[in-house]
């Protein structure tokens, strides 16, 4: 019995020492007050890299429990940032209404982790133009680029969007052409043609309507219509470009 207790005691000690401890946590805005800096200091070197999920949640395993941290922001890229521990796993949950990216930096001893949450399109902002007072007037200056170089993944999305726009414009141009409309939507004689009208009295009329070599004899009044007969015509169907028969 004592041997079993000793084994459990040793396993408990080994399990406790295998968990890394979060020694310090600090949340501050970036120098431009647009992003958020999260600095984490651990008692032991990290044995893994942080994992980020599709919901932008960052996790680190084998971290001992600690007091959770919850921060709200009003003028940064993030609305709130939550750092807590669940089942010996550290969770970093950022929330924002706009797209953002995470820049991670780990120290050489792997004990200090620095996460920077900034705007996804921060690289697209124009470079600041220096004032004339800070530059010598006699020294010619090169024109500054309007935009910085786009990342590779943004170029990939841009050329795909361009291909879709060009394809849509080409389809619209083809649809506007009469020859294309005539090819896509040909007339096959489905439109009805009134071939005969005979007033019977002030409220009743007898008419004939031709549709696809079918002649319908219809009695009309002010309230309803009644199909009296249906006749199949023996002459071939009218051509698409043949003139329509005018009503009698």
C-alpha atoms as a PDB file:
ATOM      1  CA  UNK A   1       0.000   0.000   0.000  1.00  0.00           C
ATOM      2  CA  UNK A   2       2.837   2.382   0.870  1.00  0.00           C
ATOM      3  CA  UNK A   3       4.521   1.535  -2.436  1.00  0.00           C
ATOM      4  CA  UNK A   4       1.383   2.509  -4.392  1.00  0.00           C
ATOM      5  CA  UNK A   5       1.117   5.807  -2.497  1.00  0.00           C
ATOM      6  CA  UNK A   6       4.774   6.552  -3.238  1.00  0.00           C
ATOM      7  CA  UNK A   7       4.277   5.857  -6.934  1.00  0.00           C
ATOM      8  CA  UNK A   8       1.302   8.233  -7.125  1.00  0.00           C
ATOM      9  CA  UNK A   9       3.295  10.836  -5.185  1.00  0.00           C
ATOM     10  CA  UNK A  10       6.222  10.596  -7.608  1.00  0.00           C
ATOM     11  CA  UNK A  11       3.900  10.769 -10.636  1.00  0.00           C
ATOM     12  CA  UNK A  12       2.198  13.835  -9.164  1.00  0.00           C
ATOM     13  CA  UNK A  13       5.564  15.537  -8.680  1.00  0.00           C
ATOM     14  CA  UNK A  14       6.670  14.667 -12.223  1.00  0.00           C
ATOM     15  CA  UNK A  15       3.378  15.889 -13.704  1.00  0.00           C
ATOM     16  CA  UNK A  16       3.573  19.146 -11.745  1.00  0.00           C
ATOM     17  CA  UNK A  17       7.113  19.838 -12.859  1.00  0.00           C
ATOM     18  CA  UNK A  18       6.283  19.093 -16.537  1.00  0.00           C
ATOM     19  CA  UNK A  19       3.830  21.994 -16.682  1.00  0.00           C
ATOM     20  CA  UNK A  20       5.240  25.373 -17.561  1.00  0.00           C
ATOM     21  CA  UNK A  21       4.190  28.374 -15.456  1.00  0.00           C
ATOM     22  CA  UNK A  22       3.197  31.799 -16.688  1.00  0.00           C
ATOM     23  CA  UNK A  23       5.355  34.120 -14.595  1.00  0.00           C
ATOM     24  CA  UNK A  24       4.256  37.487 -16.045  1.00  0.00           C
ATOM     25  CA  UNK A  25       1.642  38.853 -18.443  1.00  0.00           C
ATOM     26  CA  UNK A  26       1.356  42.398 -19.802  1.00  0.00           C
ATOM     27  CA  UNK A  27      -1.159  43.931 -22.246  1.00  0.00           C
ATOM     28  CA  UNK A  28      -0.438  47.381 -23.711  1.00  0.00           C
ATOM     29  CA  UNK A  29      -1.344  49.311 -26.894  1.00  0.00           C
ATOM     30  CA  UNK A  30       1.242  49.627 -29.653  1.00  0.00           C
ATOM     31  CA  UNK A  31       3.172  52.906 -29.951  1.00  0.00           C
ATOM     32  CA  UNK A  32       0.746  54.160 -32.611  1.00  0.00           C
ATOM     33  CA  UNK A  33      -2.223  53.213 -30.362  1.00  0.00           C
ATOM     34  CA  UNK A  34      -3.796  51.238 -33.218  1.00  0.00           C
ATOM     35  CA  UNK A  35      -2.702  47.724 -32.272  1.00  0.00           C
ATOM     36  CA  UNK A  36      -2.301  45.684 -29.070  1.00  0.00           C
ATOM     37  CA  UNK A  37       0.876  44.153 -27.557  1.00  0.00           C
ATOM     38  CA  UNK A  38       0.673  40.992 -25.437  1.00  0.00           C
ATOM     39  CA  UNK A  39       3.877  40.023 -23.591  1.00  0.00           C
ATOM     40  CA  UNK A  40       4.124  36.649 -21.819  1.00  0.00           C
ATOM     41  CA  UNK A  41       7.026  35.496 -19.618  1.00  0.00           C
ATOM     42  CA  UNK A  42       7.292  31.810 -18.680  1.00  0.00           C
ATOM     43  CA  UNK A  43       9.325  30.117 -15.975  1.00  0.00           C
ATOM     44  CA  UNK A  44      10.608  27.454 -18.380  1.00  0.00           C
ATOM     45  CA  UNK A  45      11.471  27.491 -22.094  1.00  0.00           C
ATOM     46  CA  UNK A  46       8.532  26.716 -24.364  1.00  0.00           C
ATOM     47  CA  UNK A  47       8.639  23.293 -25.978  1.00  0.00           C
ATOM     48  CA  UNK A  48       6.142  24.153 -28.738  1.00  0.00           C
ATOM     49  CA  UNK A  49       5.089  27.027 -30.949  1.00  0.00           C
ATOM     50  CA  UNK A  50       1.733  28.770 -30.460  1.00  0.00           C
ATOM     51  CA  UNK A  51      -1.117  27.330 -32.526  1.00  0.00           C
ATOM     52  CA  UNK A  52      -3.754  29.592 -34.064  1.00  0.00           C
ATOM     53  CA  UNK A  53      -7.179  28.265 -35.087  1.00  0.00           C
ATOM     54  CA  UNK A  54      -9.563  29.427 -37.808  1.00  0.00           C
ATOM     55  CA  UNK A  55     -11.346  31.589 -35.210  1.00  0.00           C
ATOM     56  CA  UNK A  56      -8.065  33.469 -34.455  1.00  0.00           C
ATOM     57  CA  UNK A  57      -7.779  31.742 -31.049  1.00  0.00           C
ATOM     58  CA  UNK A  58      -4.139  31.091 -29.993  1.00  0.00           C
ATOM     59  CA  UNK A  59      -3.309  28.119 -27.744  1.00  0.00           C
ATOM     60  CA  UNK A  60      -0.272  26.850 -25.814  1.00  0.00           C
ATOM     61  CA  UNK A  61      -0.355  23.435 -24.136  1.00  0.00           C
ATOM     62  CA  UNK A  62       1.194  22.198 -20.876  1.00  0.00           C
ATOM     63  CA  UNK A  63       0.722  25.509 -19.052  1.00  0.00           C
ATOM     64  CA  UNK A  64      -0.212  25.407 -15.371  1.00  0.00           C
ATOM     65  CA  UNK A  65      -3.376  27.286 -14.270  1.00  0.00           C
ATOM     66  CA  UNK A  66      -3.169  31.028 -13.600  1.00  0.00           C
ATOM     67  CA  UNK A  67      -5.468  33.957 -12.929  1.00  0.00           C
ATOM     68  CA  UNK A  68      -7.338  34.883 -16.138  1.00  0.00           C
ATOM     69  CA  UNK A  69      -6.821  38.276 -17.771  1.00  0.00           C
ATOM     70  CA  UNK A  70      -9.573  40.207 -19.587  1.00  0.00           C
ATOM     71  CA  UNK A  71      -8.980  43.539 -21.362  1.00  0.00           C
ATOM     72  CA  UNK A  72     -11.320  45.848 -23.307  1.00  0.00           C
ATOM     73  CA  UNK A  73     -10.214  48.464 -25.852  1.00  0.00           C
ATOM     74  CA  UNK A  74     -11.965  51.409 -27.465  1.00  0.00           C
ATOM     75  CA  UNK A  75      -9.563  52.772 -30.082  1.00  0.00           C
ATOM     76  CA  UNK A  76      -7.351  49.814 -31.071  1.00  0.00           C
ATOM     77  CA  UNK A  77      -7.773  47.103 -33.706  1.00  0.00           C
ATOM     78  CA  UNK A  78      -9.146  44.757 -31.002  1.00  0.00           C
ATOM     79  CA  UNK A  79     -12.362  45.211 -29.090  1.00  0.00           C
ATOM     80  CA  UNK A  80     -11.303  42.864 -26.313  1.00  0.00           C
ATOM     81  CA  UNK A  81      -8.591  40.349 -25.418  1.00  0.00           C
ATOM     82  CA  UNK A  82      -9.004  37.394 -23.073  1.00  0.00           C
ATOM     83  CA  UNK A  83      -6.195  35.203 -21.691  1.00  0.00           C
ATOM     84  CA  UNK A  84      -7.210  32.194 -19.581  1.00  0.00           C
ATOM     85  CA  UNK A  85      -6.276  28.580 -18.825  1.00  0.00           C
ATOM     86  CA  UNK A  86      -8.412  25.499 -19.357  1.00  0.00           C
ATOM     87  CA  UNK A  87      -7.269  21.888 -18.930  1.00  0.00           C
ATOM     88  CA  UNK A  88      -3.619  22.998 -18.675  1.00  0.00           C
ATOM     89  CA  UNK A  89      -3.913  24.852 -21.986  1.00  0.00           C
ATOM     90  CA  UNK A  90      -3.352  28.593 -22.329  1.00  0.00           C
ATOM     91  CA  UNK A  91      -6.008  30.294 -24.490  1.00  0.00           C
ATOM     92  CA  UNK A  92      -5.570  33.738 -26.064  1.00  0.00           C
ATOM     93  CA  UNK A  93      -8.914  34.903 -27.512  1.00  0.00           C
ATOM     94  CA  UNK A  94      -8.818  38.205 -29.450  1.00  0.00           C
ATOM     95  CA  UNK A  95     -12.054  39.756 -30.740  1.00  0.00           C
ATOM     96  CA  UNK A  96     -12.363  42.476 -33.362  1.00  0.00           C
ATOM     97  CA  UNK A  97     -14.868  43.828 -35.899  1.00  0.00           C
ATOM     98  CA  UNK A  98     -12.179  44.236 -38.566  1.00  0.00           C
ATOM     99  CA  UNK A  99      -9.516  41.970 -40.072  1.00  0.00           C
ATOM    100  CA  UNK A 100      -6.237  41.758 -38.178  1.00  0.00           C
ATOM    101  CA  UNK A 101      -3.030  39.730 -38.161  1.00  0.00           C
ATOM    102  CA  UNK A 102      -0.716  38.487 -35.409  1.00  0.00           C
ATOM    103  CA  UNK A 103       3.054  39.074 -35.364  1.00  0.00           C
ATOM    104  CA  UNK A 104       4.787  36.663 -32.965  1.00  0.00           C
ATOM    105  CA  UNK A 105       8.344  36.918 -31.616  1.00  0.00           C
ATOM    106  CA  UNK A 106      10.052  34.461 -29.260  1.00  0.00           C
ATOM    107  CA  UNK A 107      13.242  35.226 -27.358  1.00  0.00           C
ATOM    108  CA  UNK A 108      16.390  33.102 -27.769  1.00  0.00           C
ATOM    109  CA  UNK A 109      15.881  31.352 -24.431  1.00  0.00           C
ATOM    110  CA  UNK A 110      12.235  30.639 -25.471  1.00  0.00           C
ATOM    111  CA  UNK A 111      10.867  32.070 -22.222  1.00  0.00           C
ATOM    112  CA  UNK A 112       9.580  35.418 -23.479  1.00  0.00           C
ATOM    113  CA  UNK A 113       6.764  35.486 -26.063  1.00  0.00           C
ATOM    114  CA  UNK A 114       5.642  38.757 -27.676  1.00  0.00           C
ATOM    115  CA  UNK A 115       2.391  38.880 -29.714  1.00  0.00           C
ATOM    116  CA  UNK A 116       1.429  41.961 -31.698  1.00  0.00           C
ATOM    117  CA  UNK A 117      -2.149  42.334 -32.996  1.00  0.00           C
ATOM    118  CA  UNK A 118      -2.240  44.846 -35.851  1.00  0.00           C
ATOM    119  CA  UNK A 119      -4.465  45.631 -38.832  1.00  0.00           C
ATOM    120  CA  UNK A 120      -4.292  43.169 -41.731  1.00  0.00           C
ATOM    121  CA  UNK A 121      -3.938  46.048 -44.215  1.00  0.00           C
ATOM    122  CA  UNK A 122      -1.359  48.009 -42.203  1.00  0.00           C
ATOM    123  CA  UNK A 123       1.172  47.541 -45.026  1.00  0.00           C
ATOM    124  CA  UNK A 124      -1.157  49.366 -47.442  1.00  0.00           C
ATOM    125  CA  UNK A 125      -1.067  52.691 -45.605  1.00  0.00           C
ATOM    126  CA  UNK A 126       0.845  55.441 -47.456  1.00  0.00           C
ATOM    127  CA  UNK A 127       4.342  56.170 -46.276  1.00  0.00           C
ATOM    128  CA  UNK A 128       4.614  59.447 -44.349  1.00  0.00           C
ATOM    129  CA  UNK A 129       5.989  62.340 -46.412  1.00  0.00           C
ATOM    130  CA  UNK A 130       8.712  64.319 -44.708  1.00  0.00           C
ATOM    131  CA  UNK A 131       8.217  68.082 -44.399  1.00  0.00           C
ATOM    132  CA  UNK A 132      10.430  70.536 -46.234  1.00  0.00           C
ATOM    133  CA  UNK A 133      11.746  71.973 -42.972  1.00  0.00           C
ATOM    134  CA  UNK A 134      13.471  68.708 -42.005  1.00  0.00           C
ATOM    135  CA  UNK A 135      15.209  68.258 -45.387  1.00  0.00           C
ATOM    136  CA  UNK A 136      17.857  70.441 -47.027  1.00  0.00           C
ATOM    137  CA  UNK A 137      16.403  72.464 -49.877  1.00  0.00           C
ATOM    138  CA  UNK A 138      19.453  72.011 -52.107  1.00  0.00           C
ATOM    139  CA  UNK A 139      19.424  68.201 -51.862  1.00  0.00           C
ATOM    140  CA  UNK A 140      17.126  66.618 -54.467  1.00  0.00           C
ATOM    141  CA  UNK A 141      14.829  63.968 -53.064  1.00  0.00           C
ATOM    142  CA  UNK A 142      13.454  60.910 -54.785  1.00  0.00           C
ATOM    143  CA  UNK A 143       9.678  60.603 -55.063  1.00  0.00           C
ATOM    144  CA  UNK A 144       8.279  58.399 -52.332  1.00  0.00           C
ATOM    145  CA  UNK A 145       6.124  55.443 -53.342  1.00  0.00           C
ATOM    146  CA  UNK A 146       2.436  55.869 -52.677  1.00  0.00           C
ATOM    147  CA  UNK A 147       1.972  52.332 -51.384  1.00  0.00           C
ATOM    148  CA  UNK A 148       4.311  49.782 -49.892  1.00  0.00           C
ATOM    149  CA  UNK A 149       4.811  46.418 -51.517  1.00  0.00           C
ATOM    150  CA  UNK A 150       1.776  44.198 -51.202  1.00  0.00           C
ATOM    151  CA  UNK A 151       2.222  40.833 -49.470  1.00  0.00           C
ATOM    152  CA  UNK A 152       2.081  37.730 -51.619  1.00  0.00           C
ATOM    153  CA  UNK A 153      -1.287  36.540 -50.306  1.00  0.00           C
ATOM    154  CA  UNK A 154      -2.871  39.929 -51.133  1.00  0.00           C
ATOM    155  CA  UNK A 155      -1.550  39.805 -54.705  1.00  0.00           C
ATOM    156  CA  UNK A 156      -3.086  36.343 -54.997  1.00  0.00           C
ATOM    157  CA  UNK A 157      -6.529  37.664 -54.043  1.00  0.00           C
ATOM    158  CA  UNK A 158      -6.188  40.766 -56.228  1.00  0.00           C
ATOM    159  CA  UNK A 159      -5.487  38.910 -59.466  1.00  0.00           C
ATOM    160  CA  UNK A 160      -8.340  36.474 -58.777  1.00  0.00           C
ATOM    161  CA  UNK A 161     -10.756  39.377 -58.250  1.00  0.00           C
ATOM    162  CA  UNK A 162      -9.484  40.992 -61.452  1.00  0.00           C
ATOM    163  CA  UNK A 163     -10.099  37.819 -63.459  1.00  0.00           C
ATOM    164  CA  UNK A 164     -13.661  37.572 -62.108  1.00  0.00           C
ATOM    165  CA  UNK A 165     -14.404  41.232 -62.971  1.00  0.00           C
ATOM    166  CA  UNK A 166     -13.042  40.864 -66.526  1.00  0.00           C
ATOM    167  CA  UNK A 167     -15.112  37.694 -66.998  1.00  0.00           C
ATOM    168  CA  UNK A 168     -18.298  39.420 -65.829  1.00  0.00           C
ATOM    169  CA  UNK A 169     -17.704  42.378 -68.157  1.00  0.00           C
ATOM    170  CA  UNK A 170     -17.143  39.994 -71.084  1.00  0.00           C
ATOM    171  CA  UNK A 171     -20.395  38.139 -70.317  1.00  0.00           C
ATOM    172  CA  UNK A 172     -22.338  41.421 -70.094  1.00  0.00           C
ATOM    173  CA  UNK A 173     -20.894  42.559 -73.444  1.00  0.00           C
ATOM    174  CA  UNK A 174     -21.891  39.286 -75.099  1.00  0.00           C
ATOM    175  CA  UNK A 175     -25.412  39.434 -73.667  1.00  0.00           C
ATOM    176  CA  UNK A 176     -25.944  42.961 -74.998  1.00  0.00           C
ATOM    177  CA  UNK A 177     -25.251  41.862 -78.583  1.00  0.00           C
ATOM    178  CA  UNK A 178     -28.382  41.110 -80.587  1.00  0.00           C
ATOM    179  CA  UNK A 179     -26.825  38.092 -82.267  1.00  0.00           C
ATOM    180  CA  UNK A 180     -26.033  36.552 -78.870  1.00  0.00           C
ATOM    181  CA  UNK A 181     -29.517  37.249 -77.559  1.00  0.00           C
ATOM    182  CA  UNK A 182     -31.004  35.702 -80.689  1.00  0.00           C
ATOM    183  CA  UNK A 183     -28.792  32.628 -80.232  1.00  0.00           C
ATOM    184  CA  UNK A 184     -29.448  32.231 -76.495  1.00  0.00           C
ATOM    185  CA  UNK A 185     -33.130  33.136 -76.540  1.00  0.00           C
ATOM    186  CA  UNK A 186     -34.514  32.128 -79.963  1.00  0.00           C
ATOM    187  CA  UNK A 187     -38.191  32.570 -80.746  1.00  0.00           C
ATOM    188  CA  UNK A 188     -39.841  29.245 -81.367  1.00  0.00           C
ATOM    189  CA  UNK A 189     -43.374  30.364 -82.061  1.00  0.00           C
ATOM    190  CA  UNK A 190     -44.600  30.166 -78.476  1.00  0.00           C
ATOM    191  CA  UNK A 191     -46.209  33.606 -78.540  1.00  0.00           C
ATOM    192  CA  UNK A 192     -49.990  33.453 -79.166  1.00  0.00           C
ATOM    193  CA  UNK A 193     -51.491  35.108 -82.249  1.00  0.00           C
ATOM    194  CA  UNK A 194     -55.126  36.233 -82.444  1.00  0.00           C
ATOM    195  CA  UNK A 195     -56.331  35.285 -85.928  1.00  0.00           C
ATOM    196  CA  UNK A 196     -60.062  36.024 -85.742  1.00  0.00           C
ATOM    197  CA  UNK A 197     -62.427  38.175 -83.635  1.00  0.00           C
ATOM    198  CA  UNK A 198     -66.252  38.018 -83.946  1.00  0.00           C
ATOM    199  CA  UNK A 199     -68.442  40.114 -81.585  1.00  0.00           C
ATOM    200  CA  UNK A 200     -71.633  38.212 -80.753  1.00  0.00           C
ATOM    201  CA  UNK A 201     -73.322  40.823 -78.566  1.00  0.00           C
ATOM    202  CA  UNK A 202     -72.355  43.592 -76.173  1.00  0.00           C
ATOM    203  CA  UNK A 203     -70.757  41.169 -73.678  1.00  0.00           C
ATOM    204  CA  UNK A 204     -69.683  38.127 -75.711  1.00  0.00           C
ATOM    205  CA  UNK A 205     -66.969  37.693 -78.336  1.00  0.00           C
ATOM    206  CA  UNK A 206     -65.806  34.703 -80.332  1.00  0.00           C
ATOM    207  CA  UNK A 207     -62.044  34.676 -81.052  1.00  0.00           C
ATOM    208  CA  UNK A 208     -59.467  32.250 -82.427  1.00  0.00           C
ATOM    209  CA  UNK A 209     -55.881  32.069 -81.093  1.00  0.00           C
ATOM    210  CA  UNK A 210     -53.051  30.250 -82.893  1.00  0.00           C
ATOM    211  CA  UNK A 211     -50.181  28.786 -80.805  1.00  0.00           C
ATOM    212  CA  UNK A 212     -47.688  26.261 -82.294  1.00  0.00           C
ATOM    213  CA  UNK A 213     -49.951  25.025 -85.121  1.00  0.00           C
ATOM    214  CA  UNK A 214     -52.819  24.757 -82.656  1.00  0.00           C
ATOM    215  CA  UNK A 215     -55.952  26.837 -83.201  1.00  0.00           C
ATOM    216  CA  UNK A 216     -58.137  27.507 -80.159  1.00  0.00           C
ATOM    217  CA  UNK A 217     -61.770  28.664 -80.437  1.00  0.00           C
ATOM    218  CA  UNK A 218     -62.561  30.713 -77.336  1.00  0.00           C
ATOM    219  CA  UNK A 219     -65.749  32.377 -76.121  1.00  0.00           C
ATOM    220  CA  UNK A 220     -65.090  35.539 -74.119  1.00  0.00           C
ATOM    221  CA  UNK A 221     -67.357  37.561 -71.876  1.00  0.00           C
ATOM    222  CA  UNK A 222     -66.840  40.152 -69.182  1.00  0.00           C
ATOM    223  CA  UNK A 223     -66.426  37.558 -66.412  1.00  0.00           C
ATOM    224  CA  UNK A 224     -64.736  34.480 -67.851  1.00  0.00           C
ATOM    225  CA  UNK A 225     -63.455  32.710 -70.957  1.00  0.00           C
ATOM    226  CA  UNK A 226     -64.407  29.290 -72.322  1.00  0.00           C
ATOM    227  CA  UNK A 227     -62.400  27.151 -74.770  1.00  0.00           C
ATOM    228  CA  UNK A 228     -64.913  25.714 -77.222  1.00  0.00           C
ATOM    229  CA  UNK A 229     -62.627  23.753 -79.506  1.00  0.00           C
ATOM    230  CA  UNK A 230     -59.002  22.969 -80.349  1.00  0.00           C
ATOM    231  CA  UNK A 231     -57.900  22.413 -83.965  1.00  0.00           C
ATOM    232  CA  UNK A 232     -54.527  21.122 -85.183  1.00  0.00           C
ATOM    233  CA  UNK A 233     -53.365  22.938 -88.306  1.00  0.00           C
ATOM    234  CA  UNK A 234     -51.829  20.817 -91.042  1.00  0.00           C
ATOM    235  CA  UNK A 235     -49.436  23.440 -92.505  1.00  0.00           C
ATOM    236  CA  UNK A 236     -45.826  23.652 -91.184  1.00  0.00           C
ATOM    237  CA  UNK A 237     -44.863  25.924 -88.306  1.00  0.00           C
ATOM    238  CA  UNK A 238     -44.047  29.511 -89.045  1.00  0.00           C
ATOM    239  CA  UNK A 239     -40.421  30.500 -89.342  1.00  0.00           C
ATOM    240  CA  UNK A 240     -38.839  32.646 -86.680  1.00  0.00           C
ATOM    241  CA  UNK A 241     -38.387  35.490 -89.167  1.00  0.00           C
ATOM    242  CA  UNK A 242     -41.767  35.087 -90.922  1.00  0.00           C
ATOM    243  CA  UNK A 243     -44.140  38.027 -90.500  1.00  0.00           C
ATOM    244  CA  UNK A 244     -46.907  37.557 -87.973  1.00  0.00           C
ATOM    245  CA  UNK A 245     -50.480  37.123 -89.240  1.00  0.00           C
ATOM    246  CA  UNK A 246     -52.509  40.247 -88.491  1.00  0.00           C
ATOM    247  CA  UNK A 247     -55.825  39.720 -86.613  1.00  0.00           C
ATOM    248  CA  UNK A 248     -59.007  39.977 -88.671  1.00  0.00           C
END
